[in-house]
Protein backbone atom coordinates (compact mmCIF):
# COMPACT_ATOMS: atom_id res chain seq x y z
CA MET A 1 87.84 66.36 124.76
CA THR A 2 85.10 68.20 122.88
CA SER A 3 86.17 71.45 121.26
CA MET A 4 84.01 74.59 121.53
CA GLU A 5 83.82 77.41 119.02
CA ALA A 6 83.26 81.03 120.00
CA THR A 7 81.71 83.46 117.55
CA GLU A 8 82.36 86.67 119.50
CA PRO A 9 85.29 88.86 118.38
CA LEU A 10 88.36 89.08 120.56
CA LEU A 11 88.33 92.06 122.93
CA HIS A 12 91.34 94.01 124.08
CA PRO A 13 90.54 95.69 127.41
CA SER A 14 93.88 97.47 127.45
CA GLU A 15 92.99 99.60 124.42
CA PRO A 16 91.67 103.10 125.35
CA PRO A 17 88.17 104.07 124.15
CA PRO A 18 88.09 105.98 120.86
CA ARG A 19 88.06 109.75 121.13
CA PRO A 20 85.07 111.61 119.71
CA PRO A 21 85.67 113.19 116.31
CA PRO A 22 86.48 116.91 116.32
CA ARG A 23 83.78 119.38 115.38
CA PRO A 24 84.03 120.92 111.92
CA ASN A 25 85.59 124.35 111.52
CA TYR A 26 82.45 126.35 110.69
CA GLY A 27 84.42 129.58 110.45
CA LYS A 28 86.38 128.15 107.54
CA ILE A 29 83.49 126.28 105.92
CA HIS A 30 81.15 129.29 105.93
CA ALA A 31 83.77 131.97 105.35
CA LYS A 32 82.01 133.41 102.28
CA PRO A 33 78.76 135.30 103.00
CA LEU A 34 77.52 134.79 99.41
CA PRO A 35 78.23 132.16 96.73
CA VAL A 36 80.25 134.62 94.65
CA ALA A 37 83.97 135.42 94.68
CA ALA A 38 85.08 138.88 95.81
CA TYR A 39 88.47 140.43 95.04
CA PRO A 40 89.15 143.33 97.42
CA PRO A 41 92.10 145.64 96.69
CA PRO A 42 95.27 145.32 98.75
CA PRO A 43 95.43 147.41 101.93
CA LEU A 44 97.04 150.84 101.86
CA ILE A 45 99.86 151.19 104.40
CA PRO A 46 100.75 154.91 104.86
CA HIS A 47 104.31 154.34 106.15
CA ASN A 48 105.11 151.85 103.35
CA PRO A 49 105.33 153.41 99.87
CA LEU A 50 105.49 149.97 98.24
CA SER A 51 101.84 149.39 99.13
CA ILE A 52 100.89 152.11 96.60
CA LEU A 53 102.75 150.24 93.88
CA HIS A 54 101.02 147.04 94.93
CA ILE A 55 97.60 148.67 94.65
CA ALA A 56 98.46 150.14 91.23
CA PHE A 57 99.74 146.81 89.90
CA THR A 58 96.65 144.97 91.17
CA TYR A 59 94.34 147.55 89.60
CA LEU A 60 96.04 147.37 86.20
CA TYR A 61 96.18 143.57 86.26
CA ARG A 62 92.48 143.24 87.06
CA LEU A 63 91.64 145.92 84.51
CA LEU A 64 93.39 144.00 81.72
CA ALA A 65 92.39 140.50 82.90
CA PRO A 66 89.38 140.86 85.17
CA PRO A 67 88.73 137.73 87.28
CA SER A 68 85.29 136.16 87.27
CA SER A 69 83.22 136.34 90.42
CA HIS A 70 80.76 133.70 89.22
CA PRO A 71 81.30 129.96 88.77
CA GLU A 72 82.28 128.76 85.30
CA ILE A 73 79.08 126.73 85.00
CA LEU A 74 75.98 128.26 86.54
CA TYR A 75 74.09 126.18 89.07
CA GLN A 76 71.04 124.38 87.66
CA ALA A 77 67.63 123.88 89.28
CA TYR A 78 64.03 123.25 88.34
CA PHE A 79 60.74 124.75 89.49
CA SER A 80 58.13 122.48 91.06
CA PRO A 81 54.55 123.82 90.77
CA GLU A 82 53.29 121.21 93.25
CA THR A 83 55.51 122.42 96.10
CA ARG A 84 55.78 126.03 94.79
CA SER A 85 59.54 125.89 95.33
CA VAL A 86 62.82 125.47 93.42
CA HIS A 87 64.83 122.25 93.74
CA VAL A 88 68.60 121.88 93.32
CA THR A 89 69.81 118.29 92.82
CA ASP A 90 73.52 118.71 92.01
CA GLU A 91 75.67 118.00 95.08
CA THR A 92 78.27 120.63 94.16
CA ALA A 93 75.60 123.31 93.84
CA ILE A 94 73.95 122.19 97.09
CA GLY A 95 77.20 122.50 99.02
CA ALA A 96 78.06 125.88 97.50
CA LEU A 97 74.62 127.43 98.15
CA TRP A 98 74.43 126.19 101.72
CA GLU A 99 78.01 126.86 102.78
CA SER A 100 78.04 130.36 101.22
CA GLY A 101 74.99 132.16 102.53
CA PHE A 102 72.80 129.37 103.99
CA PHE A 103 70.38 129.29 101.07
CA GLY A 104 67.54 126.75 101.12
CA LYS A 105 67.03 123.67 103.27
CA GLY A 106 67.48 119.94 102.84
CA SER A 107 64.37 118.14 101.64
CA LEU A 108 65.01 115.30 104.15
CA SER A 109 66.58 117.39 106.95
CA ARG A 110 65.58 120.10 109.38
CA SER A 111 67.80 122.74 107.82
CA GLU A 112 71.26 121.70 106.63
CA PRO A 113 71.24 118.96 103.95
CA SER A 114 72.71 116.15 106.06
CA TRP A 115 70.75 113.05 105.05
CA LEU A 116 73.78 111.45 103.40
CA ASP A 117 75.96 111.91 106.51
CA ARG A 118 73.22 110.52 108.75
CA GLU A 119 72.86 107.49 106.50
CA LYS A 120 76.60 106.86 106.52
CA LYS A 121 76.72 107.11 110.29
CA ARG A 122 73.74 104.78 110.61
CA ARG A 123 75.68 102.20 108.62
CA GLY A 124 78.82 102.78 110.70
CA LEU A 125 80.88 104.32 107.89
CA ILE A 126 81.65 107.65 109.60
CA ALA A 127 81.73 108.86 113.20
CA ASN A 128 81.01 112.57 112.79
CA GLU A 129 78.00 114.10 114.52
CA THR A 130 75.33 115.70 112.35
CA SER A 131 73.39 118.85 113.18
CA GLU A 132 70.26 116.82 113.91
CA GLU A 133 72.12 114.71 116.47
CA VAL A 134 73.56 117.80 118.14
CA THR A 135 70.07 119.30 118.32
CA ALA A 136 68.61 116.07 119.75
CA GLN A 137 71.35 115.93 122.40
CA ARG A 138 70.76 119.56 123.32
CA ARG A 139 67.03 118.94 123.66
CA ALA A 140 67.65 115.86 125.80
CA ASP A 141 69.94 117.86 128.09
CA ARG A 142 67.35 120.62 128.32
CA ARG A 143 64.61 118.09 129.15
CA ARG A 144 66.81 116.50 131.82
CA PHE A 145 67.56 119.91 133.31
CA LYS A 146 63.85 120.72 133.52
CA GLN A 147 63.12 117.39 135.17
CA ASP A 148 65.85 117.95 137.76
CA ARG A 149 64.59 121.45 138.42
CA ALA A 150 61.02 120.19 138.89
CA ARG A 151 62.25 117.44 141.23
CA LYS A 152 64.19 119.93 143.35
CA GLU A 153 61.16 122.22 143.54
CA ARG A 154 58.97 119.30 144.57
CA GLU A 155 61.46 118.27 147.26
CA ALA A 156 61.59 121.84 148.54
CA ILE A 157 57.80 121.91 148.81
CA GLU A 158 57.77 118.60 150.64
CA GLU A 159 60.40 119.83 153.10
CA LYS A 160 58.35 122.93 153.69
CA LEU A 161 55.24 120.88 154.38
CA LYS A 162 57.15 118.63 156.79
CA GLU A 163 58.40 121.66 158.65
CA GLU A 164 54.89 123.07 158.90
CA ARG A 165 53.57 119.73 160.21
CA ARG A 166 56.39 119.67 162.75
CA ILE A 167 55.46 123.13 164.01
CA ASN A 168 51.76 122.38 164.24
CA GLU A 169 51.52 120.43 167.53
CA ASN A 170 47.80 120.00 167.36
CA SER A 171 48.04 118.08 164.12
CA HIS A 172 50.62 115.71 165.68
CA VAL A 173 48.37 114.99 168.64
CA ALA A 174 45.39 114.33 166.40
CA GLU A 175 47.44 112.04 164.20
CA ALA A 176 48.74 110.00 167.18
CA THR A 177 45.23 109.63 168.58
CA ALA A 178 43.85 108.48 165.25
CA ARG A 179 46.68 105.98 164.80
CA SER A 180 46.13 104.43 168.25
CA ARG A 181 42.39 104.07 167.64
CA TYR A 182 43.03 102.42 164.28
CA GLU A 183 45.51 99.94 165.74
CA GLY A 184 43.14 99.08 168.59
CA LEU A 185 40.25 98.39 166.24
CA ASN A 186 42.06 96.53 163.46
CA GLY A 187 44.90 94.82 165.36
CA GLY A 188 43.09 91.50 165.71
CA LEU A 189 42.11 91.41 162.05
CA VAL A 190 45.68 92.05 160.91
CA ASP A 191 47.10 89.34 163.20
CA SER A 192 44.60 86.74 161.99
CA LEU A 193 45.36 87.57 158.37
CA ALA A 194 49.11 87.13 158.98
CA GLU A 195 48.58 83.75 160.66
CA SER A 196 46.44 82.50 157.78
CA MET A 197 49.12 83.49 155.25
CA GLU A 198 51.84 81.67 157.24
CA SER A 199 49.78 78.50 157.38
CA LEU A 200 49.17 78.67 153.64
CA PHE A 201 52.88 78.81 152.90
CA GLU A 202 53.57 75.92 155.31
CA GLN A 203 51.02 73.72 153.52
CA GLN A 204 52.40 74.49 150.02
CA PRO A 205 56.19 74.79 150.18
CA LEU A 206 57.99 76.24 147.18
CA SER A 207 59.81 73.83 144.88
CA PRO A 208 63.57 74.30 144.32
CA PRO A 209 64.62 76.16 141.14
CA VAL A 210 65.13 74.07 138.04
CA PRO A 211 68.74 74.18 136.78
CA PRO A 212 69.33 75.24 133.15
CA PRO A 213 69.68 72.47 130.55
CA ILE A 214 73.15 71.19 129.99
CA MET A 215 74.49 72.04 126.53
CA LEU A 216 76.32 68.97 125.33
CA SER A 217 77.87 70.31 122.12
CA LEU A 218 77.58 73.40 119.91
CA SER A 219 79.99 72.42 117.19
CA ASP A 220 77.32 71.18 114.77
CA ALA A 221 75.13 74.26 115.21
CA VAL A 222 78.04 76.63 114.69
CA ASN A 223 79.17 74.76 111.64
CA ASP A 224 75.66 74.97 110.16
CA MET A 225 75.41 78.71 110.74
CA ASP A 226 78.88 79.44 109.41
CA ALA A 227 78.75 77.22 106.38
CA GLY A 228 80.61 78.75 103.47
CA LYS A 229 82.68 81.17 105.60
CA GLU A 230 86.46 80.95 105.58
CA ASN A 231 87.50 83.66 108.04
CA TYR A 232 88.31 81.41 110.99
CA VAL A 233 91.39 79.94 112.66
CA SER A 234 91.93 76.19 112.25
CA GLN A 235 91.54 73.98 115.33
CA SER A 236 94.70 73.56 117.35
CA PRO A 237 95.57 70.21 118.96
CA THR A 238 95.90 71.75 122.41
CA GLY A 239 92.96 74.17 122.59
CA PRO A 240 89.54 75.10 121.22
CA THR A 241 88.89 76.82 117.91
CA VAL A 242 88.49 80.61 118.27
CA ARG A 243 86.63 82.63 115.67
CA ILE A 244 87.92 86.12 114.85
CA ALA A 245 85.40 88.57 113.38
CA SER A 246 86.59 90.04 110.10
CA LYS A 247 87.01 93.82 110.19
CA PRO A 248 86.31 95.77 107.00
CA THR A 249 89.20 97.67 105.54
CA GLU A 250 89.29 101.37 104.73
CA GLN A 251 88.86 100.57 101.03
CA ASP A 252 85.70 98.59 101.77
CA LEU A 253 84.23 101.43 103.83
CA GLU A 254 85.03 104.01 101.17
CA ALA A 255 83.53 101.83 98.45
CA GLU A 256 80.34 101.33 100.46
CA ALA A 257 80.11 105.06 101.19
CA ARG A 258 80.48 105.91 97.49
CA ALA A 259 77.80 103.38 96.60
CA ILE A 260 75.15 105.20 98.68
CA GLU A 261 72.96 107.33 96.44
CA ASN A 262 72.11 110.74 97.87
CA GLN A 263 68.33 110.98 97.90
CA GLU A 264 68.22 114.54 99.25
CA HIS A 265 68.10 117.80 97.34
CA LEU A 266 68.14 121.48 98.26
CA GLN A 267 64.77 123.22 98.38
CA LEU A 268 64.66 126.98 97.78
CA ASN A 269 61.64 129.18 98.36
CA PRO A 270 60.75 131.67 95.59
CA SER A 271 62.39 134.64 97.31
CA GLU A 272 65.72 132.84 97.77
CA ALA A 273 65.68 131.49 94.22
CA PHE A 274 64.86 134.86 92.65
CA PHE A 275 67.62 136.56 94.66
CA LEU A 276 70.15 134.04 93.31
CA ILE A 277 68.88 134.63 89.77
CA TYR A 278 68.23 138.36 89.65
CA ALA A 279 70.61 139.82 92.25
CA LEU A 280 73.57 137.42 91.95
CA GLY A 281 73.04 135.74 88.59
CA ILE A 282 74.51 132.37 89.56
CA LEU A 283 71.41 130.16 89.17
CA GLN A 284 69.45 128.94 86.17
CA ILE A 285 65.95 127.51 86.60
CA ARG A 286 64.31 125.21 84.10
CA ALA A 287 60.80 123.89 83.71
CA GLN A 288 60.20 120.57 85.42
CA ASN A 289 58.57 118.81 82.45
CA THR A 290 60.18 120.39 79.38
CA SER A 291 63.60 121.38 80.86
CA ALA A 292 63.25 124.71 79.07
CA LEU A 293 65.28 127.60 80.49
CA LEU A 294 63.07 130.16 82.27
CA LEU A 295 64.06 133.82 81.96
CA PRO A 296 64.13 136.04 85.08
CA GLU A 297 61.18 138.03 83.73
CA THR A 298 59.18 134.85 83.22
CA LEU A 299 60.08 133.62 86.70
CA PHE A 300 59.06 136.97 88.16
CA THR A 301 55.52 136.48 86.87
CA LEU A 302 55.54 132.76 87.64
CA PHE A 303 56.44 133.30 91.28
CA ARG A 304 53.79 136.00 91.58
CA ARG A 305 51.15 133.65 90.21
CA HIS A 306 52.09 130.78 92.53
CA SER A 307 52.15 133.01 95.62
CA TYR A 308 48.36 132.53 95.62
CA PHE A 309 46.48 129.29 96.13
CA PRO A 310 45.22 128.25 93.70
CA PRO A 311 47.60 130.03 91.29
CA ARG A 312 46.16 133.05 89.54
CA GLU A 313 46.37 134.06 85.93
CA SER A 314 48.77 136.79 84.83
CA GLN A 315 46.04 139.34 84.20
CA ASP A 316 44.69 138.92 87.75
CA LEU A 317 47.93 139.82 89.52
CA GLN A 318 47.99 142.79 91.89
CA PRO A 319 50.82 145.07 93.17
CA ASP A 320 50.37 143.62 96.69
CA ASP A 321 51.09 140.03 95.67
CA PRO A 322 52.57 138.00 98.55
CA PHE A 323 55.70 137.27 96.51
CA LEU A 324 56.39 140.96 95.85
CA LEU A 325 56.03 141.87 99.53
CA GLN A 326 58.17 138.95 100.73
CA TYR A 327 60.91 139.46 98.16
CA ALA A 328 61.13 143.21 98.83
CA VAL A 329 61.90 142.46 102.50
CA TYR A 330 64.23 139.57 101.63
CA HIS A 331 66.25 141.66 99.16
CA HIS A 332 66.36 144.55 101.63
CA PHE A 333 67.94 142.59 104.48
CA ARG A 334 70.22 140.50 102.25
CA SER A 335 71.60 143.73 100.84
CA LEU A 336 72.35 144.89 104.39
CA GLY A 337 74.46 141.79 105.05
CA TRP A 338 72.01 139.76 107.15
CA VAL A 339 71.51 136.02 106.72
CA ILE A 340 67.75 135.76 106.32
CA ARG A 341 65.94 132.45 106.74
CA PRO A 342 62.24 131.42 106.74
CA GLY A 343 60.65 131.84 110.18
CA ILE A 344 57.54 129.67 110.03
CA LYS A 345 58.83 127.75 113.07
CA PHE A 346 58.28 130.86 115.23
CA ALA A 347 55.08 132.10 113.53
CA VAL A 348 56.84 134.87 111.58
CA ASP A 349 57.85 135.41 107.96
CA TRP A 350 61.65 135.66 108.29
CA LEU A 351 64.47 135.28 110.80
CA LEU A 352 67.62 137.41 110.79
CA TYR A 353 71.00 135.85 111.66
CA LEU A 354 74.16 137.86 112.09
CA ARG A 355 76.41 135.18 110.51
CA GLY A 356 74.29 132.06 110.14
CA PRO A 357 72.34 129.39 112.04
CA VAL A 358 75.48 127.34 112.84
CA PHE A 359 77.10 130.25 114.72
CA SER A 360 74.27 131.70 116.82
CA HIS A 361 70.52 131.95 117.17
CA ALA A 362 68.49 134.45 115.20
CA GLU A 363 68.39 137.90 116.76
CA PHE A 364 65.31 139.32 115.03
CA ALA A 365 61.97 137.94 113.83
CA ILE A 366 60.35 139.68 110.84
CA ILE A 367 56.64 140.14 110.16
CA VAL A 368 55.75 141.55 106.71
CA LEU A 369 52.68 143.77 106.40
CA PRO A 370 51.49 145.87 103.42
CA ALA A 371 51.19 149.64 103.79
CA TYR A 372 48.84 151.52 101.45
CA THR A 373 50.09 155.09 101.81
CA HIS A 374 49.83 156.10 98.14
CA PRO A 375 46.90 158.45 97.37
CA TYR A 376 45.57 155.95 94.83
CA TRP A 377 44.48 153.56 97.59
CA ARG A 378 42.29 156.31 99.12
CA SER A 379 40.70 157.42 95.90
CA THR A 380 37.49 155.38 96.32
CA GLN A 381 35.53 154.01 99.25
CA GLU A 382 35.86 150.46 97.97
CA LEU A 383 39.65 150.67 97.83
CA GLN A 384 39.80 152.11 101.33
CA GLN A 385 37.79 149.25 102.77
CA SER A 386 39.80 146.63 100.87
CA THR A 387 43.20 148.00 101.91
CA LYS A 388 42.07 148.45 105.52
CA LYS A 389 41.10 144.80 105.67
CA LYS A 390 44.42 143.63 104.18
CA GLY A 391 46.73 145.79 106.27
CA SER A 392 45.00 145.55 109.66
CA LYS A 393 45.77 143.04 112.39
CA SER A 394 44.10 142.54 115.75
CA TRP A 395 45.76 143.24 119.08
CA TRP A 396 45.22 139.61 120.03
CA TRP A 397 47.32 138.53 117.04
CA LEU A 398 50.07 141.01 117.91
CA HIS A 399 50.20 139.92 121.55
CA CYS A 400 50.40 136.25 120.56
CA VAL A 401 53.26 136.77 118.10
CA ASN A 402 55.15 139.09 120.45
CA ARG A 403 54.76 136.64 123.33
CA VAL A 404 56.22 133.82 121.24
CA GLN A 405 59.24 135.92 120.27
CA SER A 406 59.86 137.01 123.86
CA GLN A 407 59.85 133.38 124.98
CA VAL A 408 62.53 132.46 122.41
CA ARG A 409 64.47 135.69 123.11
CA LYS A 410 64.03 137.36 119.75
CA SER A 411 63.12 140.94 118.94
CA LEU A 412 60.01 141.33 116.82
CA VAL A 413 60.37 143.65 113.82
CA VAL A 414 57.30 144.65 111.81
CA CYS A 415 58.26 145.55 108.23
CA TYR A 416 55.76 147.70 106.39
CA VAL A 417 56.11 147.49 102.61
CA GLU A 418 54.64 150.51 100.84
CA VAL A 419 52.57 149.21 97.93
CA PRO A 420 52.61 151.29 94.72
CA PRO A 421 49.52 151.77 92.50
CA PRO A 422 48.70 149.11 89.88
CA ARG A 423 50.02 151.17 86.96
CA ALA A 424 53.55 150.96 88.41
CA VAL A 425 53.48 147.14 88.49
CA PRO A 426 52.11 145.85 85.19
CA ALA A 427 51.05 142.24 84.84
CA MET A 428 53.57 140.91 82.29
CA ALA A 429 52.38 138.58 79.57
CA GLU A 430 54.09 135.26 78.90
CA ARG A 431 55.65 136.38 75.60
CA LYS A 432 59.36 136.82 74.97
CA ALA A 433 58.87 140.25 73.41
CA SER A 434 57.10 141.62 76.49
CA ALA A 435 59.64 139.88 78.74
CA LYS A 436 62.50 141.81 77.15
CA GLU A 437 60.63 145.08 77.54
CA PHE A 438 59.81 144.37 81.19
CA ASP A 439 62.24 145.98 83.67
CA ILE A 440 62.26 144.24 87.03
CA GLY A 441 64.49 146.88 88.61
CA GLN A 442 62.02 149.66 87.89
CA VAL A 443 59.24 147.63 89.48
CA LEU A 444 61.20 146.85 92.64
CA LYS A 445 62.18 150.48 93.06
CA GLN A 446 58.52 151.31 93.68
CA TYR A 447 58.51 149.29 96.92
CA LYS A 448 59.87 150.81 100.11
CA VAL A 449 60.45 149.04 103.43
CA ARG A 450 59.86 150.62 106.83
CA GLU A 451 60.98 148.83 110.00
CA LEU A 452 59.29 149.01 113.38
CA THR A 453 60.81 147.14 116.33
CA LEU A 454 58.44 145.97 119.06
CA LYS A 455 59.32 144.76 122.53
CA ARG A 456 57.16 143.21 125.21
CA TRP A 457 56.97 145.46 128.26
CA THR A 458 56.96 143.76 131.66
CA PRO A 459 56.27 146.11 134.61
CA ASN A 460 58.25 144.13 137.20
CA ARG A 461 61.41 144.23 135.07
CA GLU A 462 61.19 147.62 133.38
CA ARG A 463 59.87 149.99 136.01
CA ASP A 464 62.25 152.75 135.00
């Protein structure tokens, strides 16, 4: 009796299917609104006098040994002139900046840096769902819903047309008359064609199906394919040899997961990077080629230069530089507690989230426009024409942007940034002496932000 070998793994139908992995606890992961530690005082309980002693003890303890709100080692990054952005490559810094404030985006992802998790899942090392997969599933469900809705609408239209044809008696009579005339004219031709086809099949009968070739033996082929492998069960005298697929252990999976090199880094735009440097002081940026540490004053001028394309020289900078306008709005809303993210996807400058993109959609869309209200900008005719051209937008542009935001259910907010005269914003030189004398706070105080919320008015919905 010839023995057969099976290469498929043994299946156990009685085992239940694996349950999907639980979703991560985003409330715990993103509990901190900023990547700094805060130490609030203990609560005061009026009916408990011991709470006053607790507050006094905490105050004295923190006064003598104040805890640090910043990490022991500041996060490191480098500035890329080609992409005009700041790149963070350390995985610890990437996780801290994203989980505490949603700063930056993954260079190989839509938003959250998840390339490593997607690669592990592609190789079968983990079973968790990534944000990209959740988004793709949501889009597929939305597409399926739209197709079902269109099909139901089409069926409703067809039913309506059938009902109208049923009511119209004249159309039925005309249709019956036309059908009878057509059958009377073409009946003979159809019958002759059917008879000719029957005679053709009678003259050329179909041959019976050919059976599949008989496989005499597969033992030699299996042995050739599995040469050198030892994970099989020896042949028993009473039955065939059964191959059992080897299952990797947990140690093997962990070792393979650790061997994957993370090729993704966190990409920060200039406004996010400067907020982490100037406002929070938890990030250090170095030059890409020389690895030299860049001071905040130097970065302030560097970001202003690279906000133009091609980059301008320091002496050609103006008080209405794109970086100054964008950062003034970014700092304004971050200080108010909003999570602010780039809004190029919806044709705006920024998007405002109440807690973050993993909790809910953005509520507001921000457009940044310069406002030249200082008397200096009206001193000459040339300045008036130049500022009018920079700060004016057409009604067509406004209707297009507002229509997009209404479709995605966001409120459009126009932020006017009042631009100070040039003497209030000097163009700093690239010398260390002038950098120490340069006060960024005094410059930013000259910019004021005014908010104007716009809403699309529809007469059939808002008649009151």
